[in-house]
C-alpha atoms as a PDB file:
ATOM      1  CA  MET A   1      -9.614  -9.202 -28.361  1.00  0.00           C
ATOM      2  CA  HIS A   2     -10.040  -8.791 -24.622  1.00  0.00           C
ATOM      3  CA  LEU A   3      -7.525  -5.901 -24.368  1.00  0.00           C
ATOM      4  CA  GLN A   4      -9.414  -3.785 -26.757  1.00  0.00           C
ATOM      5  CA  VAL A   5     -12.727  -4.216 -24.658  1.00  0.00           C
ATOM      6  CA  TYR A   6     -10.741  -3.169 -21.529  1.00  0.00           C
ATOM      7  CA  ARG A   7      -9.310  -0.193 -23.307  1.00  0.00           C
ATOM      8  CA  ARG A   8     -12.840   1.022 -24.156  1.00  0.00           C
ATOM      9  CA  TYR A   9     -13.733   0.522 -20.502  1.00  0.00           C
ATOM     10  CA  GLU A  10     -10.653   2.532 -19.423  1.00  0.00           C
ATOM     11  CA  LYS A  11     -11.323   5.300 -21.996  1.00  0.00           C
ATOM     12  CA  GLY A  12     -15.005   5.628 -21.167  1.00  0.00           C
ATOM     13  CA  MET A  13     -16.125   4.526 -24.541  1.00  0.00           C
ATOM     14  CA  ARG A  14     -18.089   1.587 -23.163  1.00  0.00           C
ATOM     15  CA  GLU A  15     -19.622   1.101 -19.759  1.00  0.00           C
ATOM     16  CA  ILE A  16     -18.328  -1.814 -17.718  1.00  0.00           C
ATOM     17  CA  PRO A  17     -21.007  -4.295 -16.859  1.00  0.00           C
ATOM     18  CA  VAL A  18     -21.874  -5.097 -13.099  1.00  0.00           C
ATOM     19  CA  TRP A  19     -20.745  -8.747 -13.410  1.00  0.00           C
ATOM     20  CA  ALA A  20     -17.258  -7.577 -14.627  1.00  0.00           C
ATOM     21  CA  VAL A  21     -16.775  -5.148 -11.879  1.00  0.00           C
ATOM     22  CA  ILE A  22     -17.655  -7.934  -9.381  1.00  0.00           C
ATOM     23  CA  GLN A  23     -15.254 -10.506 -11.035  1.00  0.00           C
ATOM     24  CA  LEU A  24     -12.456  -7.859 -10.954  1.00  0.00           C
ATOM     25  CA  SER A  25     -13.032  -7.195  -7.236  1.00  0.00           C
ATOM     26  CA  GLN A  26     -12.756 -10.947  -6.553  1.00  0.00           C
ATOM     27  CA  LEU A  27      -9.823 -11.316  -8.765  1.00  0.00           C
ATOM     28  CA  TYR A  28      -7.840  -8.352  -7.145  1.00  0.00           C
ATOM     29  CA  GLN A  29      -9.432  -8.939  -3.557  1.00  0.00           C
ATOM     30  CA  CYS A  30     -10.773  -5.452  -3.181  1.00  0.00           C
ATOM     31  CA  SER A  31     -14.187  -3.829  -2.875  1.00  0.00           C
ATOM     32  CA  THR A  32     -16.263  -2.849  -5.940  1.00  0.00           C
ATOM     33  CA  ASP A  33     -16.284   0.748  -4.555  1.00  0.00           C
ATOM     34  CA  TYR A  34     -12.515   0.737  -4.806  1.00  0.00           C
ATOM     35  CA  ILE A  35     -12.626  -0.538  -8.375  1.00  0.00           C
ATOM     36  CA  LEU A  36     -15.126   2.310  -9.323  1.00  0.00           C
ATOM     37  CA  GLY A  37     -12.918   4.933  -7.456  1.00  0.00           C
ATOM     38  CA  LEU A  38     -15.554   5.607  -4.882  1.00  0.00           C
ATOM     39  CA  SER A  39     -13.358   4.560  -2.020  1.00  0.00           C
ATOM     40  CA  ASP A  40      -9.717   4.511  -1.132  1.00  0.00           C
ATOM     41  CA  LYS A  41     -10.025   1.603   1.034  1.00  0.00           C
ATOM     42  CA  LYS A  42      -9.501  -1.725  -0.622  1.00  0.00           C
END
C-alpha cells in the first residue's frame, strides 16, 4: 500500500505533504531543500 503512494509522489500524480518531507529529511539526515531538489547540499 505505501509503495503505491510513494510512486504517486515520484510520478507527480500526488503532492507530498509537508509532514512527510520533514519525516524523510529526518530519516535520511538531510535538509528538506535537498529532498525537494532545491539544493545539492545535504
